[in-house]
Protein backbone atom coordinates (compact mmCIF):
# COMPACT_ATOMS: atom_id res chain seq x y z
CA MET A 1 -7.63 131.47 105.17
CA LYS A 2 -5.00 129.32 106.82
CA SER A 3 -2.72 127.25 104.63
CA THR A 4 -3.90 123.65 104.48
CA VAL A 5 -0.26 122.57 104.84
CA ILE A 6 0.18 124.53 108.06
CA SER A 7 -3.16 123.31 109.36
CA SER A 8 -2.23 119.69 108.69
CA LEU A 9 1.12 120.20 110.44
CA LEU A 10 -0.67 121.70 113.42
CA PHE A 11 -3.21 118.95 113.88
CA ALA A 12 -0.68 116.21 113.24
CA SER A 13 1.53 117.75 115.91
CA LEU A 14 -1.34 117.70 118.38
CA ALA A 15 -1.75 114.00 117.74
CA ILE A 16 1.91 112.99 118.07
CA ALA A 17 3.61 115.59 120.24
CA SER A 18 2.55 114.32 123.64
CA PRO A 19 4.06 110.85 124.08
CA THR A 20 5.00 109.60 127.51
CA PRO A 21 8.27 111.45 128.22
CA ARG A 22 11.40 109.34 128.60
CA ALA A 23 12.61 111.92 131.09
CA THR A 24 10.47 113.51 133.73
CA ALA A 25 11.03 117.09 134.82
CA ASP A 26 10.44 119.13 137.91
CA SER A 27 8.46 122.35 137.69
CA ASP A 28 11.39 124.70 138.40
CA ASP A 29 12.35 126.92 135.46
CA VAL A 30 15.56 128.08 137.18
CA SER A 31 18.79 126.13 137.65
CA ASP A 32 22.00 127.70 138.98
CA GLY A 33 24.32 124.78 139.68
CA MET A 34 27.40 126.31 138.05
CA VAL A 35 26.81 129.73 139.62
CA GLU A 36 26.54 128.13 143.05
CA VAL A 37 29.98 126.59 142.54
CA ILE A 38 31.39 129.89 141.25
CA ASN A 39 30.04 131.65 144.35
CA GLY A 40 31.48 129.04 146.70
CA LYS A 41 28.09 127.64 147.71
CA ALA A 42 28.54 124.22 146.10
CA LYS A 43 31.34 121.84 145.19
CA CYS A 44 32.77 121.12 141.77
CA LYS A 45 31.40 118.20 139.83
CA ASN A 46 33.13 116.43 136.99
CA ASN A 47 30.56 117.58 134.46
CA ALA A 48 28.54 120.73 133.84
CA VAL A 49 25.81 121.60 131.36
CA ILE A 50 24.88 125.17 130.50
CA PHE A 51 21.58 125.59 128.67
CA ALA A 52 20.01 128.56 126.87
CA ARG A 53 16.22 128.65 126.72
CA GLY A 54 14.09 129.74 123.76
CA THR A 55 12.34 133.02 123.04
CA PHE A 56 9.79 134.08 125.70
CA ASP A 57 10.61 131.03 127.85
CA SER A 58 10.65 131.75 131.59
CA GLY A 59 13.35 131.62 134.26
CA ASN A 60 16.79 130.68 132.98
CA ILE A 61 16.05 127.16 131.68
CA GLY A 62 12.41 127.62 130.73
CA VAL A 63 9.65 125.02 130.86
CA TRP A 64 9.69 123.39 127.42
CA VAL A 65 13.12 121.74 127.15
CA GLY A 66 15.48 122.79 129.95
CA PRO A 67 13.85 120.93 132.87
CA TYR A 68 13.72 117.70 130.87
CA LEU A 69 17.34 117.99 129.81
CA LYS A 70 18.35 118.71 133.41
CA SER A 71 16.48 115.69 134.75
CA ALA A 72 17.88 113.40 132.06
CA SER A 73 21.42 114.71 132.63
CA LEU A 74 21.21 114.15 136.38
CA ASP A 75 20.05 110.59 135.73
CA GLU A 76 22.73 109.80 133.15
CA PHE A 77 25.56 111.20 135.26
CA ASN A 78 24.18 109.78 138.53
CA GLY A 79 24.16 113.31 139.90
CA ASP A 80 27.76 114.10 138.92
CA VAL A 81 26.77 117.20 136.93
CA GLN A 82 25.98 120.83 137.59
CA PHE A 83 23.16 122.21 135.44
CA GLN A 84 22.99 125.92 134.68
CA GLY A 85 20.72 128.19 132.67
CA VAL A 86 22.07 131.28 130.93
CA SER A 87 21.25 134.28 133.13
CA GLU A 88 17.78 135.71 132.49
CA LYS A 89 19.21 139.11 133.44
CA ASP A 90 21.83 138.96 130.68
CA TYR A 91 19.57 137.13 128.25
CA PRO A 92 15.91 138.19 128.32
CA ALA A 93 15.08 135.80 125.45
CA ASN A 94 13.11 138.41 123.54
CA LEU A 95 11.93 138.58 119.95
CA VAL A 96 13.85 141.78 119.15
CA ASP A 97 17.26 140.18 119.67
CA TYR A 98 16.20 137.08 117.76
CA VAL A 99 15.36 138.99 114.57
CA LYS A 100 17.77 141.92 114.96
CA GLU A 101 20.91 140.02 115.98
CA ASP A 102 20.17 136.56 114.56
CA GLY A 103 19.89 135.52 118.18
CA SER A 104 21.04 137.37 121.28
CA GLU A 105 24.70 138.39 121.31
CA ALA A 106 24.47 139.03 125.06
CA CYS A 107 23.40 135.42 125.59
CA GLY A 108 26.57 134.13 123.95
CA THR A 109 28.72 136.47 126.02
CA SER A 110 27.00 135.52 129.28
CA CYS A 111 27.27 131.81 128.52
CA ALA A 112 31.00 132.12 127.82
CA LYS A 113 31.64 134.15 131.00
CA THR A 114 29.87 131.54 133.13
CA ILE A 115 31.92 128.73 131.59
CA ASP A 116 35.17 130.66 132.12
CA ALA A 117 34.33 131.31 135.76
CA TYR A 118 33.35 127.69 136.37
CA VAL A 119 36.51 126.29 134.79
CA LYS A 120 38.62 128.56 136.98
CA LYS A 121 37.00 126.86 139.97
CA CYS A 122 36.90 123.39 138.42
CA PRO A 123 39.76 123.20 135.87
CA THR A 124 39.24 119.53 134.94
CA ALA A 125 35.46 119.66 134.47
CA ASN A 126 33.85 118.50 131.23
CA ILE A 127 31.59 121.28 129.94
CA PHE A 128 28.59 120.81 127.67
CA VAL A 129 26.77 123.65 125.91
CA SER A 130 23.15 123.37 124.84
CA GLY A 131 20.25 125.49 123.70
CA TRP A 132 16.75 125.31 122.27
CA SER A 133 15.38 127.63 119.60
CA GLN A 134 17.00 131.07 120.06
CA GLY A 135 19.04 129.35 122.74
CA GLY A 136 20.55 127.17 120.02
CA LEU A 137 21.76 130.32 118.28
CA CYS A 138 23.19 131.37 121.65
CA ALA A 139 25.17 128.12 121.77
CA HIS A 140 26.84 129.02 118.46
CA LYS A 141 27.79 132.46 119.78
CA CYS A 142 28.92 131.10 123.14
CA ILE A 143 31.40 128.74 121.50
CA LYS A 144 32.69 131.52 119.25
CA ALA A 145 33.22 133.75 122.31
CA LEU A 146 35.31 131.00 123.92
CA ALA A 147 37.49 130.34 120.87
CA LYS A 148 40.61 131.88 122.41
CA ALA A 149 39.80 131.17 126.04
CA THR A 150 41.62 128.64 128.20
CA SER A 151 38.28 127.05 129.01
CA TYR A 152 37.68 126.15 125.35
CA LYS A 153 39.53 122.87 125.85
CA ASN A 154 36.98 121.91 128.50
CA ILE A 155 34.09 121.97 126.02
CA LYS A 156 33.38 118.31 125.28
CA GLY A 157 30.07 118.49 123.44
CA ILE A 158 27.33 120.72 122.07
CA VAL A 159 23.62 119.95 121.70
CA THR A 160 20.98 122.08 120.01
CA PHE A 161 17.23 121.61 119.68
CA GLY A 162 15.33 123.25 116.83
CA ASP A 163 18.39 125.25 115.80
CA GLU A 164 17.51 128.02 113.30
CA ALA A 165 21.15 128.73 112.37
CA GLY A 166 20.55 127.62 108.79
CA LEU A 167 17.99 130.41 108.38
CA MET A 168 20.25 133.16 109.73
CA SER A 169 22.89 135.20 107.92
CA SER A 170 25.40 135.86 110.70
CA VAL A 171 25.45 132.84 113.01
CA PRO A 172 28.92 131.24 113.28
CA ALA A 173 29.26 127.56 112.48
CA PHE A 174 30.38 125.23 115.24
CA PRO A 175 34.07 124.27 115.15
CA LYS A 176 34.86 120.80 113.83
CA ASP A 177 36.93 119.78 116.85
CA ILE A 178 33.94 119.65 119.23
CA PRO A 179 31.30 116.88 118.92
CA VAL A 180 27.88 118.32 118.02
CA LYS A 181 24.42 116.77 118.15
CA ALA A 182 21.68 118.84 116.50
CA PHE A 183 18.16 117.62 117.23
CA CYS A 184 15.37 118.58 114.85
CA ASN A 185 11.83 117.29 114.86
CA GLU A 186 11.81 115.75 111.37
CA ASP A 187 8.54 113.90 111.79
CA THR A 188 7.06 113.52 108.32
CA ALA A 189 3.59 114.48 109.54
CA ALA A 190 4.59 117.40 111.76
CA PRO A 191 8.18 118.60 111.30
CA ASP A 192 9.74 121.64 112.92
CA ILE A 193 9.81 124.11 110.03
CA LEU A 194 12.56 126.16 111.72
CA CYS A 195 15.16 123.42 111.32
CA THR A 196 13.84 120.65 109.07
CA GLU A 197 15.89 119.76 106.02
CA THR A 198 13.55 117.12 104.66
CA ALA A 199 10.03 118.54 104.71
CA THR A 200 10.21 122.06 103.31
CA SER A 201 8.36 121.59 100.01
CA GLY A 202 4.77 122.77 99.87
CA ILE A 203 5.04 124.95 102.97
CA LYS A 204 3.20 128.22 102.47
CA LEU A 205 4.96 131.16 104.08
CA PRO A 206 3.08 134.33 104.98
CA THR A 207 3.01 137.15 102.45
CA SER A 208 1.72 139.82 104.81
CA ILE A 209 1.32 140.62 108.50
CA SER A 210 -2.29 139.43 108.43
CA GLU A 211 -1.21 136.08 106.99
CA PHE A 212 1.47 135.81 109.68
CA LYS A 213 -1.29 136.10 112.25
CA ASP A 214 -3.32 133.40 110.50
CA LEU A 215 -0.43 131.02 110.01
CA VAL A 216 1.53 131.44 113.24
CA VAL A 217 -0.24 133.36 115.99
CA ASP A 218 -3.52 131.50 115.52
CA ALA A 219 -1.70 128.16 115.34
CA LEU A 220 0.01 128.89 118.66
CA ALA A 221 -3.41 129.27 120.25
CA GLU A 222 -3.55 125.46 119.99
CA LEU A 223 -0.20 125.00 121.72
CA VAL A 224 -1.94 124.37 125.03
CA ARG A 225 -3.00 120.99 123.61
CA VAL A 226 0.67 120.04 123.18
CA ALA A 227 1.60 121.03 126.76
CA THR A 228 2.19 118.18 129.18
CA ASN A 229 2.22 119.96 132.55
CA SER A 230 0.71 122.99 134.25
CA GLU A 231 3.78 125.19 133.70
CA GLN A 232 3.72 124.51 129.96
CA ARG A 233 -0.02 125.06 129.81
CA SER A 234 0.37 128.41 131.55
CA GLN A 235 3.01 129.56 129.07
CA ALA A 236 1.09 128.14 126.12
CA THR A 237 -1.96 130.16 127.07
CA LYS A 238 0.04 133.39 127.20
CA LEU A 239 2.29 132.83 124.19
CA PRO A 240 -0.04 133.93 121.34
CA PHE A 241 -0.70 137.23 123.11
CA THR A 242 2.98 137.69 124.00
CA LEU A 243 4.00 137.07 120.39
CA ALA A 244 1.34 139.39 118.98
CA TYR A 245 2.30 142.20 121.37
CA ASN A 246 6.06 141.87 120.76
CA PHE A 247 5.56 141.55 117.02
CA LEU A 248 4.61 145.23 116.99
CA LYS A 249 8.22 146.02 117.96
CA VAL A 250 9.71 144.12 115.03
CA THR A 251 7.39 144.75 112.10
CA ASP A 252 10.20 146.53 110.22
CA TYR A 253 12.32 143.36 110.39
CA PHE A 254 9.37 141.28 109.25
CA THR A 255 8.88 143.57 106.26
CA THR A 256 12.58 143.32 105.41
CA ASP A 257 12.46 139.52 105.63
CA LEU A 258 9.33 139.52 103.50
CA LYS A 259 11.21 141.36 100.74
CA LYS A 260 14.13 138.95 101.05
CA SER A 261 11.89 135.84 101.10
CA ASN A 262 13.36 134.97 104.50
CA LEU A 263 10.15 134.44 106.47
CA ARG A 264 10.77 130.82 107.36
CA ARG A 265 12.66 131.92 110.47
CA TRP A 266 9.37 133.36 111.77
CA MET A 267 7.47 130.07 111.55
CA VAL A 268 7.41 129.02 115.19
CA LEU A 269 4.67 126.37 115.35
CA PRO A 270 3.69 123.65 117.88
CA PRO A 271 6.15 121.03 116.50
CA HIS A 272 8.94 123.36 117.67
CA PHE A 273 7.92 122.84 121.31
CA VAL A 274 8.12 119.06 121.72
CA TYR A 275 11.85 118.46 122.32
CA GLY A 276 11.39 118.05 126.05
CA ASN A 277 8.68 115.42 125.90
CA ASN A 278 9.51 113.52 122.69
CA GLY A 279 12.57 111.71 124.05
CA MET A 280 15.23 113.90 122.44
CA SER A 281 16.27 115.48 125.75
CA SER A 282 17.06 111.99 127.03
CA GLU A 283 19.06 111.25 123.87
CA ALA A 284 20.96 114.49 124.43
CA ALA A 285 21.88 113.48 127.97
CA GLU A 286 23.10 110.10 126.67
CA PHE A 287 25.26 111.98 124.18
CA PHE A 288 26.73 114.09 127.00
CA LEU A 289 27.60 110.99 129.00
CA ALA A 290 29.22 109.32 126.01
CA GLN A 291 31.38 112.37 125.33
CA SER A 292 32.32 112.61 129.01
CA LYS A 293 33.49 108.98 129.00
CA THR A 294 35.48 109.59 125.82
CA ALA A 295 37.14 112.64 127.36
CA THR A 296 37.97 110.73 130.55
CA SER A 297 39.48 107.86 128.57
CA SER A 298 41.58 110.25 126.49
CA THR A 299 42.88 111.96 129.62
CA LYS A 300 43.88 108.63 131.19
CA ALA A 301 45.57 107.48 127.99
CA SER A 302 47.68 110.63 127.73
CA SER A 303 48.72 110.69 131.40
């Protein structure tokens, strides 16, 4: 039997998770603005955003958050921004890396290499790093990989959505000298269990593989009702089957987490998927613009 708490979270999320988006998004799940500059096919812009998608999301920016953040960023910067997704070849966004590595190490490395290459072409560009879900963990690792790089000074802001870093044992904290905005769906009726700090009491975690299916896989079958466009609906329809199939590859990690009472990091439920259409992607783009203006002012003042 499903937990009544999880069931209430699910149905509340279906009621509130589909507001009119503050940012619209195109249907393309791939964006290669920075790579085009690196390859000499486009010109430098004063700002660049690199985004890491979540587990099982398609393309290199996905369909749930990336397209909305891209659209909002283009609007805020009046087009003066290149938007890039972390390479799907380097970062397959799979479940194995999420549970085995506390988020893909290769994603962090790929993100850092792209930033380095872009800054070599555009040495005065303001760079912003962002990620949703496992992509948020990638953002942590990307910044760590850049710690000693020349391009580190170009990083002007970091944004995460649904960041599970607090549930992981080996994810590096963000440095204090870079502004960070961490978005978490803290709605009292339907919070994101993977990142919430205010609504964790009373949440029933699975105690077996069969309960995991009841609490998570079955709940994701309702994700299609949260989707706001055809691309999201397509992924939502496939996701329960994709998760169930890939879970077979990581049952040993689930069992280990069960023994350690660390199963909260497995609780990916519909409230985790609303960051694109609940207005937070627009707030993130506003944050980028504010940090860009601050950086520009600081540069003028010191010159």
